[in-house]
Amino acid sequence: MDAKHSIAADLLRWYDAHRRDLPWRARPGQRADPYRVWLSEVMLQQTTVATVGPRFTSWVARWPDIASLAAADEAEVMAAWAGLGYYARARNLVKAARAVADEHGGRLPDTEAALRTLPGLGDYTAAAVAAIAFGRRAVVVDANVERVVARLFIAAGKPAVRAAAETITPDERAGDFAQAMMDLGATVCTPRNPRCMLCPLTAGCAARREGVQESYPVKPAKKARPQRYGTIFWLERGGEVLLVRRPARGLLGGMRALPTGPWAEDRPGLEDAPVAAGWRMLNIAVSHVFTHFALELALAVADADAHTRPASGEYWPVARIDSAGLPTVFAKAARAIRGELCG
């Protein structure tokens, strides 16, 4: 048996015995529901399995298939996504579901090329869905797979990792192989303190032989994130607080949120406050890190009387603010403000 087939065979034997039991998976050798595979792959981008598990279960209880998601109200979908971050993923889920309903007879395409034509499905997601849901031979490389392959072959850089992954991806059980690589990276070939003694591939691992496991994969130096500043406005009236819809395009587009001024290089103070009021700045701030910048938010509070008429928005019961589906940064600010006002 050559090295390619030996790696695949050893890994699949390990997977059959040690696979993670996840709500979107089928049993080894069986095909999973394509919708559930696609949904899980999108949810898992930049989000941990522990976070996704319960959210996935509640999602499929509400929208169990592509048809129901295609017919869903986008605002409700965005609210259900709150807290998972990277909200363009949720918008693209709805767009792709509608494209599948309108252009593919309600069924996900079963090839990488066709899957890549759908909104939000890039190379990785298309490969994962093609392999796991449809049994297509596809080279699936996420962060866990990258780490395993980089260590196996001492491969530096994404092109070298992908080329090496191509050489060991089997023709049969490609979906199980992809999930086995993911599981191995998540549970054994971890970023720090890899459990090499438990690894089914340790005999052929070049990094293990040279004792440099934790040096791979080689990561480029991180660029410093720009720092931006803003102000969040908490306008309360009779036990309710003003919420607005963010613009459809842009960061957190279409999401229900607390009003905020510009996010700029300098502190904007009360610029773009939703109404003229007796604003009071709290002696606390909230910090949040997005992909491309870090944000520090000052918190301004005011009471509105019955005659205060914001240009837009809705008043939401403060006691039920957790049900408003606020993005993480605004939910964090709401908790901080309530803690300060009630403390």
Protein backbone atom coordinates (compact mmCIF):
# COMPACT_ATOMS: atom_id res chain seq x y z
CA MET A 1 0.00 0.00 0.00
CA ASP A 2 1.48 3.37 -1.01
CA ALA A 3 1.76 6.32 1.39
CA LYS A 4 -1.37 8.04 0.07
CA HIS A 5 -3.59 5.01 0.61
CA SER A 6 -1.94 4.16 3.93
CA ILE A 7 -2.66 7.62 5.37
CA ALA A 8 -6.28 7.53 4.20
CA ALA A 9 -6.85 3.97 5.43
CA ASP A 10 -5.26 4.59 8.84
CA LEU A 11 -7.20 7.80 9.31
CA LEU A 12 -10.56 6.30 8.28
CA ARG A 13 -10.09 3.39 10.69
CA TRP A 14 -9.44 5.90 13.45
CA TYR A 15 -12.48 7.95 12.41
CA ASP A 16 -14.78 4.93 12.48
CA ALA A 17 -13.83 4.39 16.11
CA HIS A 18 -13.35 7.94 17.38
CA ARG A 19 -15.50 10.29 15.29
CA ARG A 20 -17.26 13.15 17.07
CA ASP A 21 -21.02 12.79 17.35
CA LEU A 22 -22.33 16.04 15.87
CA PRO A 23 -25.97 16.86 15.03
CA TRP A 24 -25.30 17.50 11.34
CA ARG A 25 -23.34 14.31 10.69
CA ALA A 26 -24.33 10.96 9.27
CA ARG A 27 -22.82 7.70 10.40
CA PRO A 28 -19.54 6.64 8.72
CA GLY A 29 -20.13 5.52 5.15
CA GLN A 30 -23.55 7.19 4.95
CA ARG A 31 -24.59 10.43 3.26
CA ALA A 32 -25.70 13.35 5.39
CA ASP A 33 -28.55 15.73 4.58
CA PRO A 34 -27.02 18.31 2.18
CA TYR A 35 -28.92 21.18 3.80
CA ARG A 36 -27.61 20.29 7.25
CA VAL A 37 -24.06 19.88 5.94
CA TRP A 38 -24.18 23.26 4.19
CA LEU A 39 -25.72 25.02 7.19
CA SER A 40 -23.19 23.54 9.61
CA GLU A 41 -20.24 24.48 7.43
CA VAL A 42 -21.44 28.07 7.20
CA MET A 43 -22.10 28.29 10.95
CA LEU A 44 -18.71 26.81 11.78
CA GLN A 45 -16.77 29.46 9.88
CA GLN A 46 -14.89 31.41 12.58
CA THR A 47 -17.15 29.84 15.25
CA THR A 48 -16.49 26.90 17.58
CA VAL A 49 -18.32 23.57 17.53
CA ALA A 50 -19.38 24.12 21.15
CA THR A 51 -21.10 27.38 20.21
CA VAL A 52 -22.62 26.10 16.98
CA GLY A 53 -24.11 22.85 18.34
CA PRO A 54 -27.14 24.23 20.21
CA ARG A 55 -27.63 27.07 17.72
CA PHE A 56 -27.72 24.58 14.84
CA THR A 57 -30.33 22.47 16.62
CA SER A 58 -32.63 25.42 17.28
CA TRP A 59 -32.15 26.69 13.72
CA VAL A 60 -33.18 23.44 12.02
CA ALA A 61 -36.17 23.17 14.34
CA ARG A 62 -37.32 26.52 12.96
CA TRP A 63 -36.15 26.18 9.34
CA PRO A 64 -35.75 22.42 8.76
CA ASP A 65 -35.00 22.56 5.03
CA ILE A 66 -34.04 24.79 2.14
CA ALA A 67 -37.65 25.54 1.22
CA SER A 68 -38.48 26.91 4.67
CA LEU A 69 -35.30 28.99 4.77
CA ALA A 70 -35.97 30.37 1.30
CA ALA A 71 -39.42 31.50 2.46
CA ALA A 72 -38.16 32.98 5.75
CA ASP A 73 -38.27 36.66 6.61
CA GLU A 74 -34.69 37.90 6.38
CA ALA A 75 -35.02 40.06 9.50
CA GLU A 76 -36.06 36.98 11.51
CA VAL A 77 -33.12 35.04 10.12
CA MET A 78 -30.72 37.81 11.09
CA ALA A 79 -32.17 37.93 14.61
CA ALA A 80 -31.78 34.15 14.94
CA TRP A 81 -28.14 34.50 13.86
CA ALA A 82 -27.37 37.12 16.53
CA GLY A 83 -24.28 36.26 18.53
CA LEU A 84 -22.68 34.05 15.87
CA GLY A 85 -20.92 36.99 14.22
CA TYR A 86 -19.93 37.55 10.58
CA TYR A 87 -23.52 38.40 9.71
CA ALA A 88 -22.99 38.34 5.95
CA ARG A 89 -23.08 34.56 6.36
CA ALA A 90 -26.73 34.70 7.41
CA ARG A 91 -27.70 37.03 4.58
CA ASN A 92 -25.97 34.76 2.09
CA LEU A 93 -27.71 31.70 3.52
CA VAL A 94 -31.07 33.24 2.67
CA LYS A 95 -29.89 34.40 -0.76
CA ALA A 96 -28.47 30.98 -1.56
CA ALA A 97 -31.58 29.17 -0.32
CA ARG A 98 -33.72 31.33 -2.60
CA ALA A 99 -31.36 30.72 -5.52
CA VAL A 100 -31.58 26.96 -4.91
CA ALA A 101 -35.38 27.15 -4.74
CA ASP A 102 -35.65 29.27 -7.90
CA GLU A 103 -32.87 27.84 -10.05
CA HIS A 104 -32.15 24.28 -8.86
CA GLY A 105 -35.54 22.82 -8.10
CA GLY A 106 -35.05 23.18 -4.35
CA ARG A 107 -32.03 20.85 -4.26
CA LEU A 108 -28.44 21.85 -3.61
CA PRO A 109 -26.19 21.22 -6.60
CA ASP A 110 -23.86 18.25 -6.08
CA THR A 111 -20.63 19.50 -7.68
CA GLU A 112 -18.04 21.98 -6.46
CA ALA A 113 -18.35 24.11 -9.58
CA ALA A 114 -22.13 24.45 -9.30
CA LEU A 115 -22.02 25.02 -5.55
CA ARG A 116 -19.54 27.88 -6.01
CA THR A 117 -22.14 29.78 -8.04
CA LEU A 118 -24.35 30.18 -4.96
CA PRO A 119 -24.03 33.29 -2.74
CA GLY A 120 -21.57 32.78 0.10
CA LEU A 121 -20.16 29.43 -1.06
CA GLY A 122 -16.46 29.84 -1.63
CA ASP A 123 -13.92 27.17 -2.47
CA TYR A 124 -13.81 25.63 1.00
CA THR A 125 -17.56 25.41 1.60
CA ALA A 126 -18.24 24.10 -1.91
CA ALA A 127 -15.61 21.40 -1.47
CA ALA A 128 -16.89 20.42 1.98
CA VAL A 129 -20.51 20.14 0.85
CA ALA A 130 -19.56 18.24 -2.32
CA ALA A 131 -17.50 15.74 -0.35
CA ILE A 132 -19.56 15.29 2.82
CA ALA A 133 -23.07 15.56 1.40
CA PHE A 134 -22.55 14.05 -2.05
CA GLY A 135 -19.50 11.82 -1.77
CA ARG A 136 -17.57 13.74 -4.41
CA ARG A 137 -13.79 13.59 -4.26
CA ALA A 138 -12.90 17.11 -3.15
CA VAL A 139 -9.89 18.54 -1.34
CA VAL A 140 -11.26 20.09 1.85
CA VAL A 141 -8.82 22.31 3.78
CA ASP A 142 -9.99 24.20 6.86
CA ALA A 143 -7.77 25.39 9.71
CA ASN A 144 -7.70 21.95 11.37
CA VAL A 145 -6.89 20.15 8.12
CA GLU A 146 -4.21 22.73 7.30
CA ARG A 147 -2.51 22.03 10.63
CA VAL A 148 -2.57 18.24 10.18
CA VAL A 149 -1.23 18.37 6.61
CA ALA A 150 1.40 21.01 7.39
CA ARG A 151 2.80 18.79 10.13
CA LEU A 152 2.57 15.55 8.16
CA PHE A 153 4.60 16.94 5.28
CA ILE A 154 6.35 19.95 6.86
CA ALA A 155 4.52 22.02 4.29
CA ALA A 156 4.82 25.80 4.62
CA GLY A 157 2.20 28.06 3.05
CA LYS A 158 -1.32 27.42 1.88
CA PRO A 159 -0.44 26.39 -1.71
CA ALA A 160 1.99 23.76 -0.43
CA VAL A 161 -0.55 22.49 2.11
CA ARG A 162 -3.27 22.21 -0.50
CA ALA A 163 -0.95 20.38 -2.90
CA ALA A 164 -0.03 17.92 -0.15
CA ALA A 165 -3.69 17.45 0.83
CA GLU A 166 -4.48 16.65 -2.81
CA THR A 167 -2.03 13.73 -2.71
CA ILE A 168 -3.73 12.00 0.24
CA THR A 169 -7.43 12.65 -0.46
CA PRO A 170 -8.97 9.28 -1.40
CA ASP A 171 -11.44 8.61 -4.19
CA GLU A 172 -13.73 6.65 -1.87
CA ARG A 173 -15.24 7.99 1.37
CA ALA A 174 -13.95 11.47 0.59
CA GLY A 175 -16.53 13.02 2.93
CA ASP A 176 -15.57 10.79 5.84
CA PHE A 177 -11.92 11.52 5.12
CA ALA A 178 -12.53 15.27 5.25
CA GLN A 179 -14.40 14.99 8.55
CA ALA A 180 -11.73 12.65 9.92
CA MET A 181 -9.06 15.24 9.17
CA MET A 182 -11.17 17.91 10.86
CA ASP A 183 -11.68 15.72 13.94
CA LEU A 184 -8.00 14.79 14.13
CA GLY A 185 -7.01 18.44 14.07
CA ALA A 186 -9.64 19.44 16.61
CA THR A 187 -9.01 16.69 19.15
CA VAL A 188 -5.49 15.26 18.65
CA CYS A 189 -3.32 17.40 16.35
CA THR A 190 -4.12 20.55 18.31
CA PRO A 191 -2.31 23.91 17.95
CA ARG A 192 -0.50 23.51 21.26
CA ASN A 193 0.53 20.31 23.04
CA PRO A 194 -0.58 17.93 20.24
CA ARG A 195 -1.40 14.44 21.52
CA CYS A 196 0.97 12.65 19.17
CA MET A 197 0.89 9.36 21.07
CA LEU A 198 -2.82 9.05 20.20
CA CYS A 199 -2.45 10.02 16.54
CA PRO A 200 -3.07 7.32 13.93
CA LEU A 201 -0.67 9.10 11.55
CA THR A 202 2.24 9.66 13.92
CA ALA A 203 4.53 7.11 12.23
CA GLY A 204 4.50 9.05 8.99
CA CYS A 205 4.52 12.58 10.44
CA ALA A 206 7.60 14.54 9.37
CA ALA A 207 7.14 17.25 12.01
CA ARG A 208 6.89 14.60 14.73
CA ARG A 209 10.12 12.98 13.58
CA GLU A 210 11.94 16.31 13.75
CA GLY A 211 10.24 17.47 16.97
CA VAL A 212 8.85 20.65 15.40
CA GLN A 213 5.11 19.97 15.60
CA GLU A 214 4.22 23.29 17.15
CA SER A 215 6.17 25.23 14.52
CA TYR A 216 3.62 24.22 11.87
CA PRO A 217 1.64 25.51 10.15
CA VAL A 218 3.79 28.57 9.58
CA LYS A 219 1.67 31.64 10.21
CA PRO A 220 2.35 35.03 8.64
CA ALA A 221 2.94 37.89 11.04
CA LYS A 222 -0.33 39.50 12.06
CA LYS A 223 -0.91 43.10 11.14
CA ALA A 224 -1.98 45.44 13.92
CA ARG A 225 -5.71 46.18 13.78
CA PRO A 226 -6.66 49.85 13.39
CA GLN A 227 -8.39 51.35 16.44
CA ARG A 228 -11.75 53.06 16.01
CA TYR A 229 -14.05 54.83 18.43
CA GLY A 230 -17.80 55.36 18.64
CA THR A 231 -20.72 56.09 20.94
CA ILE A 232 -23.75 53.94 21.64
CA PHE A 233 -26.95 55.72 22.67
CA TRP A 234 -29.39 54.28 25.22
CA LEU A 235 -32.65 56.25 25.03
CA GLU A 236 -35.15 54.91 27.55
CA ARG A 237 -38.84 55.69 27.88
CA GLY A 238 -41.23 53.99 30.29
CA GLY A 239 -39.24 50.79 30.62
CA GLU A 240 -38.47 50.60 26.88
CA VAL A 241 -35.33 51.45 24.95
CA LEU A 242 -34.95 52.76 21.41
CA LEU A 243 -33.65 50.29 18.84
CA VAL A 244 -32.97 50.92 15.16
CA ARG A 245 -32.28 48.89 12.03
CA ARG A 246 -28.79 49.22 10.67
CA PRO A 247 -28.47 50.00 6.94
CA ALA A 248 -28.99 46.94 4.75
CA ARG A 249 -25.47 47.17 3.34
CA GLY A 250 -22.32 47.29 5.38
CA LEU A 251 -21.17 45.87 8.70
CA LEU A 252 -24.00 44.19 10.64
CA GLY A 253 -26.32 45.21 7.81
CA GLY A 254 -30.04 44.88 8.43
CA MET A 255 -29.61 43.98 12.09
CA ARG A 256 -31.64 45.46 14.94
CA ALA A 257 -29.26 47.52 17.11
CA LEU A 258 -28.88 50.34 19.57
CA PRO A 259 -28.37 53.72 17.87
CA THR A 260 -24.74 54.62 17.33
CA GLY A 261 -22.81 57.50 15.87
CA PRO A 262 -19.90 57.11 13.44
CA TRP A 263 -17.09 54.65 14.11
CA ALA A 264 -14.06 56.81 13.47
CA GLU A 265 -10.38 57.29 14.27
CA ASP A 266 -11.28 59.99 16.82
CA ARG A 267 -13.88 59.84 19.59
CA PRO A 268 -17.10 61.25 18.11
CA GLY A 269 -18.81 62.20 21.39
CA LEU A 270 -22.54 62.83 20.85
CA GLU A 271 -22.33 63.14 17.06
CA ASP A 272 -25.40 61.66 15.32
CA ALA A 273 -27.36 61.18 18.56
CA PRO A 274 -30.85 59.91 17.63
CA VAL A 275 -32.60 62.85 19.35
CA ALA A 276 -31.74 66.02 21.21
CA ALA A 277 -31.85 65.02 24.85
CA GLY A 278 -30.03 65.37 28.15
CA TRP A 279 -27.39 62.80 27.29
CA ARG A 280 -25.14 61.61 30.10
CA MET A 281 -21.90 59.77 29.36
CA LEU A 282 -21.33 56.73 31.55
CA ASN A 283 -17.92 56.26 33.11
CA ILE A 284 -17.43 52.93 31.35
CA ALA A 285 -16.74 51.83 27.78
CA VAL A 286 -17.24 48.65 25.78
CA SER A 287 -14.56 47.14 23.56
CA HIS A 288 -15.10 44.78 20.65
CA VAL A 289 -12.79 43.33 18.00
CA PHE A 290 -13.94 42.88 14.42
CA THR A 291 -11.89 41.18 11.73
CA HIS A 292 -10.34 44.36 10.40
CA PHE A 293 -10.43 46.78 13.32
CA ALA A 294 -10.80 47.14 17.08
CA LEU A 295 -13.63 49.28 18.42
CA GLU A 296 -14.02 51.17 21.69
CA LEU A 297 -17.52 52.46 22.40
CA ALA A 298 -18.50 55.18 24.83
CA LEU A 299 -21.98 54.78 26.33
CA ALA A 300 -24.46 57.66 26.46
CA VAL A 301 -27.81 57.41 28.24
CA ALA A 302 -30.87 59.66 28.36
CA ASP A 303 -34.55 59.54 29.28
CA ALA A 304 -37.15 60.33 26.64
CA ASP A 305 -40.50 61.90 27.42
CA ALA A 306 -43.75 61.13 25.64
CA HIS A 307 -43.12 63.93 23.13
CA THR A 308 -39.69 62.65 22.00
CA ARG A 309 -39.99 61.49 18.40
CA PRO A 310 -36.87 59.82 16.95
CA ALA A 311 -36.60 59.93 13.17
CA SER A 312 -36.66 56.13 13.01
CA GLY A 313 -36.63 53.04 15.18
CA GLU A 314 -38.82 51.20 17.65
CA TYR A 315 -39.06 51.05 21.42
CA TRP A 316 -38.30 47.62 22.86
CA PRO A 317 -38.98 46.45 26.45
CA VAL A 318 -35.77 46.68 28.44
CA ALA A 319 -36.71 43.54 30.37
CA ARG A 320 -36.78 41.61 27.09
CA ILE A 321 -33.73 43.12 25.45
CA ASP A 322 -32.09 39.69 25.23
CA SER A 323 -34.83 38.63 22.80
CA ALA A 324 -34.18 41.50 20.39
CA GLY A 325 -31.52 39.57 18.47
CA LEU A 326 -28.85 42.24 18.91
CA PRO A 327 -25.40 41.58 17.42
CA THR A 328 -22.78 40.73 20.01
CA VAL A 329 -21.27 44.22 20.24
CA PHE A 330 -24.68 45.79 20.97
CA ALA A 331 -25.73 43.01 23.34
CA LYS A 332 -22.48 43.58 25.22
CA ALA A 333 -23.20 47.31 25.43
CA ALA A 334 -26.77 46.68 26.63
CA ARG A 335 -25.52 44.46 29.45
CA ALA A 336 -22.94 47.04 30.48
CA ILE A 337 -25.46 49.89 30.47
CA ARG A 338 -28.09 47.96 32.41
CA GLY A 339 -25.48 46.88 34.93
CA GLU A 340 -24.38 50.47 35.41
CA LEU A 341 -27.91 51.88 35.66
CA CYS A 342 -29.14 49.17 38.03
CA GLY A 343 -25.95 48.84 40.05
